[in-house]
């Protein structure tokens, strides 16, 4: 069995309470678990940083007070380091949160730790490197070549869901871990704090630094990494689709994980028929649910409708669901209530 080289420790955190009428300097501003890891127990000379997606920052903060570009914290936009175009409006920004001993948190600190946890805005890092050096290290991970091809893909490692999948899949792969954790040949490895929910973070770190040495080889994505990400995406799409179907047509008392597993078995055959968009998948899966049938149980008329690539896939999916509703007499719950 491969030796685990990176592991995570759970950090349970409680959400920061909503502001009260107390003076702002008396307000709690950060969950104790995060404060201990990022500030109280930060090694001497290290930096506490937040790698945040600009789009998700705006969604989490609701456009209140401070935009990511005007947070009054030392910051670097990673796309500025790898792209000629200005992508800053949707790019990851690395913010240095480090507080000098005895310093009070800024308005940006308060906003980050109140609004961002649980919203998949980004990841926190403990770094032995100053901001510019850390930004340079992280920027080289953004646009990676796909192994064995000339194709390059954005690697959204600042998304907690993406990074969690990558770390779990590569916890025994020294090279994959080196590209992420090792910022230089002489620098200690990074620590990563990756949220799982609004009340739980995973502190990812190397089990033994000596087992994951720095490598000069440029990082790349492997086919197996892409398949892992695709598999997770498919499961999320199916889970969200079945939640919508059950909410729309009523819960038949079947466990959601069973429904999701059944939906996943339809993805491949439907893809072969050109049904690939999330919108089309949702409507086709709704038709299966209402009819109590899978793809292989459909009659020739339904199969001909779904496989007719002369018609846009979303239209095919809509027509299929309409036909199933007409045959079964089943309508969405809201429509039945209105009737």
Protein backbone atom coordinates (compact mmCIF):
# COMPACT_ATOMS: atom_id res chain seq x y z
CA UNK A 1 0.00 0.00 0.00
CA UNK A 2 1.47 3.45 -0.93
CA UNK A 3 2.82 5.45 1.97
CA UNK A 4 0.68 8.50 2.83
CA UNK A 5 2.87 11.60 2.50
CA UNK A 6 0.31 14.34 3.19
CA UNK A 7 -2.46 14.26 5.74
CA UNK A 8 -5.08 16.57 7.15
CA UNK A 9 -6.14 17.47 10.66
CA UNK A 10 -9.70 18.61 11.20
CA UNK A 11 -10.23 22.06 12.66
CA UNK A 12 -13.76 22.59 13.95
CA UNK A 13 -14.76 26.23 13.92
CA UNK A 14 -17.89 28.05 14.97
CA UNK A 15 -19.26 30.78 12.70
CA UNK A 16 -18.46 34.32 13.77
CA UNK A 17 -21.61 35.85 15.32
CA UNK A 18 -23.46 38.61 13.52
CA UNK A 19 -22.48 42.14 14.56
CA UNK A 20 -24.17 43.49 17.67
CA UNK A 21 -24.39 47.03 18.98
CA UNK A 22 -21.06 46.78 20.76
CA UNK A 23 -18.14 48.90 19.51
CA UNK A 24 -16.60 47.13 16.53
CA UNK A 25 -13.28 46.63 18.32
CA UNK A 26 -15.06 44.49 20.93
CA UNK A 27 -16.79 42.33 18.35
CA UNK A 28 -15.53 38.76 17.84
CA UNK A 29 -13.95 38.71 14.38
CA UNK A 30 -12.56 35.21 13.83
CA UNK A 31 -13.37 31.67 14.95
CA UNK A 32 -10.91 30.56 17.66
CA UNK A 33 -9.71 27.53 15.68
CA UNK A 34 -8.73 29.67 12.71
CA UNK A 35 -7.18 32.33 14.90
CA UNK A 36 -4.96 29.80 16.62
CA UNK A 37 -3.74 28.30 13.34
CA UNK A 38 -3.30 31.49 11.31
CA UNK A 39 -2.18 33.98 13.91
CA UNK A 40 -1.56 32.77 17.47
CA UNK A 41 0.51 29.69 16.51
CA UNK A 42 2.08 31.08 13.33
CA UNK A 43 5.83 30.31 13.29
CA UNK A 44 8.12 33.30 13.66
CA UNK A 45 8.73 34.99 10.31
CA UNK A 46 5.93 33.12 8.53
CA UNK A 47 2.99 34.70 6.72
CA UNK A 48 -0.73 34.00 6.97
CA UNK A 49 -2.31 34.36 3.53
CA UNK A 50 -5.68 34.02 1.83
CA UNK A 51 -5.90 32.97 -1.83
CA UNK A 52 -9.34 34.22 -2.79
CA UNK A 53 -11.40 34.04 -5.98
CA UNK A 54 -12.53 37.58 -6.90
CA UNK A 55 -15.93 36.48 -8.18
CA UNK A 56 -16.74 34.40 -5.12
CA UNK A 57 -15.45 37.19 -2.87
CA UNK A 58 -18.09 39.51 -4.31
CA UNK A 59 -20.80 36.88 -3.91
CA UNK A 60 -19.85 36.13 -0.30
CA UNK A 61 -19.45 39.73 0.82
CA UNK A 62 -22.51 40.96 -1.07
CA UNK A 63 -20.57 43.91 -2.46
CA UNK A 64 -20.30 45.36 1.02
CA UNK A 65 -17.71 47.96 1.86
CA UNK A 66 -14.52 46.36 0.58
CA UNK A 67 -13.78 44.95 -2.85
CA UNK A 68 -10.92 42.49 -3.12
CA UNK A 69 -8.84 45.05 -5.06
CA UNK A 70 -9.27 47.69 -2.35
CA UNK A 71 -8.96 45.60 0.79
CA UNK A 72 -5.99 47.65 2.05
CA UNK A 73 -4.01 44.43 2.50
CA UNK A 74 -0.82 43.53 0.63
CA UNK A 75 -2.11 41.59 -2.38
CA UNK A 76 -1.11 40.12 -5.74
CA UNK A 77 -3.41 39.06 -8.58
CA UNK A 78 -2.09 35.70 -9.83
CA UNK A 79 -3.31 36.05 -13.40
CA UNK A 80 -1.20 39.20 -13.74
CA UNK A 81 1.83 36.93 -13.39
CA UNK A 82 0.85 34.46 -16.15
CA UNK A 83 -1.45 36.30 -18.58
CA UNK A 84 -1.17 39.44 -20.68
CA UNK A 85 -4.91 40.11 -20.51
CA UNK A 86 -6.49 41.78 -17.47
CA UNK A 87 -8.44 38.97 -15.83
CA UNK A 88 -8.41 40.46 -12.36
CA UNK A 89 -12.20 40.74 -12.06
CA UNK A 90 -12.51 36.95 -11.95
CA UNK A 91 -8.99 35.96 -10.88
CA UNK A 92 -7.54 34.57 -7.66
CA UNK A 93 -5.88 37.20 -5.48
CA UNK A 94 -3.29 36.36 -2.84
CA UNK A 95 -3.75 38.54 0.27
CA UNK A 96 -1.25 38.73 3.11
CA UNK A 97 -3.22 38.64 6.37
CA UNK A 98 -0.22 38.58 8.70
CA UNK A 99 -0.67 40.72 11.80
CA UNK A 100 2.22 42.16 13.75
CA UNK A 101 2.23 41.24 17.42
CA UNK A 102 -0.36 43.30 19.27
CA UNK A 103 -1.89 44.69 16.07
CA UNK A 104 -5.65 44.92 15.71
CA UNK A 105 -7.40 43.30 12.75
CA UNK A 106 -8.33 45.59 9.89
CA UNK A 107 -11.81 45.99 8.44
CA UNK A 108 -10.74 43.58 5.70
CA UNK A 109 -9.75 40.93 8.27
CA UNK A 110 -13.14 41.26 9.93
CA UNK A 111 -14.98 40.99 6.61
CA UNK A 112 -12.98 37.95 5.45
CA UNK A 113 -13.52 35.86 8.56
CA UNK A 114 -17.16 36.82 8.95
CA UNK A 115 -18.34 36.45 5.35
CA UNK A 116 -16.01 34.04 3.53
CA UNK A 117 -15.82 30.76 5.51
CA UNK A 118 -18.28 28.23 4.13
CA UNK A 119 -18.66 30.09 0.82
CA UNK A 120 -15.80 28.39 -1.11
CA UNK A 121 -14.13 31.76 -1.66
CA UNK A 122 -10.60 30.41 -1.40
CA UNK A 123 -7.98 28.72 0.74
CA UNK A 124 -5.81 29.90 3.62
CA UNK A 125 -2.07 29.26 3.65
CA UNK A 126 0.74 29.46 6.17
CA UNK A 127 3.87 30.32 4.26
CA UNK A 128 7.57 30.70 5.06
CA UNK A 129 7.85 33.00 1.99
CA UNK A 130 6.91 36.66 1.67
CA UNK A 131 4.01 37.66 -0.55
CA UNK A 132 5.80 38.13 -3.89
CA UNK A 133 7.70 34.84 -3.70
CA UNK A 134 4.60 32.91 -2.66
CA UNK A 135 2.56 34.52 -5.44
CA UNK A 136 5.18 33.47 -7.99
CA UNK A 137 5.12 29.90 -6.72
CA UNK A 138 1.31 29.66 -6.81
CA UNK A 139 0.99 31.38 -10.19
CA UNK A 140 2.96 28.61 -11.92
CA UNK A 141 0.26 26.16 -10.84
CA UNK A 142 -2.58 28.07 -12.48
CA UNK A 143 -2.22 27.13 -16.14
CA UNK A 144 -0.85 23.61 -16.42
CA UNK A 145 -0.01 21.44 -19.44
CA UNK A 146 -1.96 18.22 -19.69
CA UNK A 147 0.54 15.37 -19.62
CA UNK A 148 1.45 14.09 -23.07
CA UNK A 149 -0.34 16.88 -24.94
CA UNK A 150 0.16 20.51 -25.92
CA UNK A 151 -3.13 21.40 -24.23
CA UNK A 152 -3.05 23.66 -21.18
CA UNK A 153 -5.80 23.91 -18.59
CA UNK A 154 -6.54 26.21 -15.70
CA UNK A 155 -6.10 24.33 -12.44
CA UNK A 156 -8.50 25.95 -9.94
CA UNK A 157 -6.58 24.77 -6.89
CA UNK A 158 -7.78 27.82 -4.92
CA UNK A 159 -11.29 26.31 -5.00
CA UNK A 160 -11.58 24.26 -1.76
CA UNK A 161 -13.56 21.52 -3.52
CA UNK A 162 -10.95 21.13 -6.27
CA UNK A 163 -7.99 21.19 -3.89
CA UNK A 164 -9.58 18.65 -1.54
CA UNK A 165 -10.08 16.22 -4.41
CA UNK A 166 -6.50 16.75 -5.65
CA UNK A 167 -4.95 16.25 -2.21
CA UNK A 168 -6.97 13.17 -1.37
CA UNK A 169 -6.13 11.60 -4.73
CA UNK A 170 -2.41 12.44 -4.52
CA UNK A 171 -1.71 12.04 -0.80
CA UNK A 172 0.89 9.36 -1.60
CA UNK A 173 2.41 11.03 -4.69
CA UNK A 174 5.61 12.89 -3.75
CA UNK A 175 5.91 14.72 -7.07
CA UNK A 176 2.33 15.98 -7.13
CA UNK A 177 2.65 17.15 -3.53
CA UNK A 178 6.02 18.78 -4.15
CA UNK A 179 4.60 21.06 -6.85
CA UNK A 180 2.06 22.40 -4.38
CA UNK A 181 3.67 22.30 -0.95
CA UNK A 182 7.32 23.00 -1.87
CA UNK A 183 7.86 26.66 -2.86
CA UNK A 184 11.64 26.36 -3.21
CA UNK A 185 14.63 24.08 -2.71
CA UNK A 186 15.56 25.59 0.64
CA UNK A 187 12.15 26.73 1.91
CA UNK A 188 10.04 24.74 4.38
CA UNK A 189 6.80 23.39 2.91
CA UNK A 190 3.55 25.31 3.03
CA UNK A 191 0.60 24.54 5.28
CA UNK A 192 -2.88 24.66 3.70
CA UNK A 193 -6.21 25.27 5.39
CA UNK A 194 -9.04 24.05 3.21
CA UNK A 195 -12.65 24.47 4.26
CA UNK A 196 -15.08 21.59 4.18
CA UNK A 197 -18.04 23.60 5.44
CA UNK A 198 -18.77 26.79 7.36
CA UNK A 199 -17.81 24.98 10.58
CA UNK A 200 -14.95 22.72 9.51
CA UNK A 201 -11.51 23.18 7.94
CA UNK A 202 -8.84 20.64 7.06
CA UNK A 203 -5.26 21.57 7.91
CA UNK A 204 -3.21 19.81 5.19
CA UNK A 205 0.49 19.32 5.79
CA UNK A 206 3.28 16.92 4.87
CA UNK A 207 3.73 13.93 7.17
CA UNK A 208 7.53 14.00 6.78
CA UNK A 209 9.16 16.91 4.94
CA UNK A 210 12.14 14.79 3.90
CA UNK A 211 9.93 12.40 1.92
CA UNK A 212 8.67 15.17 -0.39
CA UNK A 213 11.74 17.00 -1.72
CA UNK A 214 11.55 20.04 -3.98
CA UNK A 215 11.51 19.21 -7.69
CA UNK A 216 12.60 21.43 -10.58
CA UNK A 217 10.29 19.61 -13.00
CA UNK A 218 7.52 21.92 -14.24
CA UNK A 219 4.15 20.88 -12.85
CA UNK A 220 1.53 19.30 -15.10
CA UNK A 221 -1.83 17.60 -14.86
CA UNK A 222 -2.09 13.93 -15.58
CA UNK A 223 -4.93 12.16 -17.32
CA UNK A 224 -5.85 10.45 -14.07
CA UNK A 225 -6.19 13.82 -12.33
CA UNK A 226 -8.55 15.02 -15.04
CA UNK A 227 -10.63 11.85 -14.73
CA UNK A 228 -10.83 12.29 -10.94
CA UNK A 229 -12.02 15.88 -11.32
CA UNK A 230 -14.49 14.87 -14.02
CA UNK A 231 -15.87 12.06 -11.89
CA UNK A 232 -16.41 14.39 -8.94
CA UNK A 233 -18.05 16.96 -11.21
CA UNK A 234 -20.39 14.33 -12.66
CA UNK A 235 -21.42 13.21 -9.19
CA UNK A 236 -22.15 16.79 -8.13
CA UNK A 237 -24.15 17.46 -11.27
CA UNK A 238 -26.22 14.32 -10.74
CA UNK A 239 -26.74 15.00 -7.03
CA UNK A 240 -27.91 18.55 -7.75
CA UNK A 241 -30.15 17.31 -10.56
CA UNK A 242 -31.83 14.69 -8.37
CA UNK A 243 -32.34 17.23 -5.58
CA UNK A 244 -34.12 19.44 -8.12
CA UNK A 245 -36.14 16.53 -9.53
CA UNK A 246 -37.33 15.41 -6.08
CA UNK A 247 -38.19 18.97 -5.08
CA UNK A 248 -40.08 19.47 -8.36
CA UNK A 249 -41.94 16.15 -8.63
CA UNK A 250 -42.08 14.87 -5.08
CA UNK A 251 -39.92 12.55 -3.05
CA UNK A 252 -40.62 8.85 -3.73
CA UNK A 253 -38.89 7.81 -0.54
CA UNK A 254 -35.71 6.63 -2.28
CA UNK A 255 -32.43 7.72 -0.66
CA UNK A 256 -30.77 10.56 -2.56
CA UNK A 257 -27.46 8.71 -2.82
CA UNK A 258 -29.26 5.81 -4.51
CA UNK A 259 -30.89 8.22 -6.96
CA UNK A 260 -27.56 9.92 -7.62
CA UNK A 261 -25.89 6.56 -8.28
CA UNK A 262 -28.67 5.64 -10.72
CA UNK A 263 -28.30 9.00 -12.46
CA UNK A 264 -24.55 8.52 -12.77
CA UNK A 265 -25.12 5.28 -14.65
CA UNK A 266 -27.04 7.25 -17.29
CA UNK A 267 -24.32 9.86 -17.90
CA UNK A 268 -22.19 7.82 -20.31
CA UNK A 269 -24.99 6.58 -22.57
CA UNK A 270 -26.61 10.02 -22.64
CA UNK A 271 -23.27 11.61 -23.53
CA UNK A 272 -23.01 9.23 -26.49
CA UNK A 273 -26.37 10.63 -27.65
CA UNK A 274 -25.15 14.23 -27.34
CA UNK A 275 -26.94 14.99 -24.05
CA UNK A 276 -24.17 16.63 -22.03
CA UNK A 277 -25.27 20.04 -20.71
CA UNK A 278 -26.38 20.30 -17.09
CA UNK A 279 -29.70 21.77 -18.23
CA UNK A 280 -30.43 18.89 -20.63
CA UNK A 281 -29.30 16.25 -18.13
CA UNK A 282 -31.60 17.68 -15.48
CA UNK A 283 -34.67 17.49 -17.75
CA UNK A 284 -33.86 14.02 -19.07
CA UNK A 285 -33.25 12.67 -15.56
CA UNK A 286 -36.55 14.22 -14.51
CA UNK A 287 -38.23 12.32 -17.34
CA UNK A 288 -36.66 9.06 -16.18
CA UNK A 289 -37.79 9.74 -12.61
CA UNK A 290 -41.37 10.55 -13.58
CA UNK A 291 -41.63 7.55 -15.94
CA UNK A 292 -39.85 5.17 -13.55
CA UNK A 293 -37.56 4.09 -16.38
CA UNK A 294 -33.90 4.23 -17.33
CA UNK A 295 -32.53 4.94 -20.78
CA UNK A 296 -32.38 1.27 -21.79
CA UNK A 297 -36.09 0.85 -20.95
CA UNK A 298 -37.36 3.63 -23.23
CA UNK A 299 -39.36 2.87 -26.34
CA UNK A 300 -38.10 3.67 -29.82
CA UNK A 301 -39.97 6.97 -30.08
CA UNK A 302 -38.31 8.34 -26.94
CA UNK A 303 -34.90 7.06 -28.01
CA UNK A 304 -35.32 8.65 -31.44
CA UNK A 305 -36.24 11.97 -29.83
CA UNK A 306 -33.27 11.98 -27.43
CA UNK A 307 -30.73 10.90 -30.04
CA UNK A 308 -31.79 13.33 -32.80
CA UNK A 309 -28.71 15.54 -32.91
CA UNK A 310 -30.32 17.73 -35.57
CA UNK A 311 -32.25 19.25 -32.64
CA UNK A 312 -30.37 21.18 -29.89
CA UNK A 313 -29.89 18.98 -26.85
CA UNK A 314 -31.73 21.29 -24.46
CA UNK A 315 -34.78 21.29 -26.75
CA UNK A 316 -34.66 17.48 -27.00
CA UNK A 317 -34.58 17.21 -23.21
CA UNK A 318 -37.50 19.62 -22.79
CA UNK A 319 -39.61 17.78 -25.37
CA UNK A 320 -38.82 14.43 -23.75
CA UNK A 321 -39.93 15.61 -20.31
CA UNK A 322 -43.10 17.18 -21.75
CA UNK A 323 -43.94 13.91 -23.51
CA UNK A 324 -43.39 11.89 -20.32
CA UNK A 325 -45.57 14.25 -18.30
CA UNK A 326 -48.34 13.98 -20.89
CA UNK A 327 -48.22 10.15 -20.85
CA UNK A 328 -48.09 9.78 -17.09
CA UNK A 329 -50.28 12.71 -16.08
CA UNK A 330 -47.57 13.78 -13.63
CA UNK A 331 -46.90 17.52 -13.38
CA UNK A 332 -44.49 19.51 -11.24
CA UNK A 333 -45.77 20.08 -7.70
CA UNK A 334 -46.02 23.84 -8.17
CA UNK A 335 -48.09 23.35 -11.32
CA UNK A 336 -50.40 20.89 -9.58
CA UNK A 337 -50.87 23.27 -6.66
CA UNK A 338 -51.70 26.13 -9.00
CA UNK A 339 -54.24 23.92 -10.82
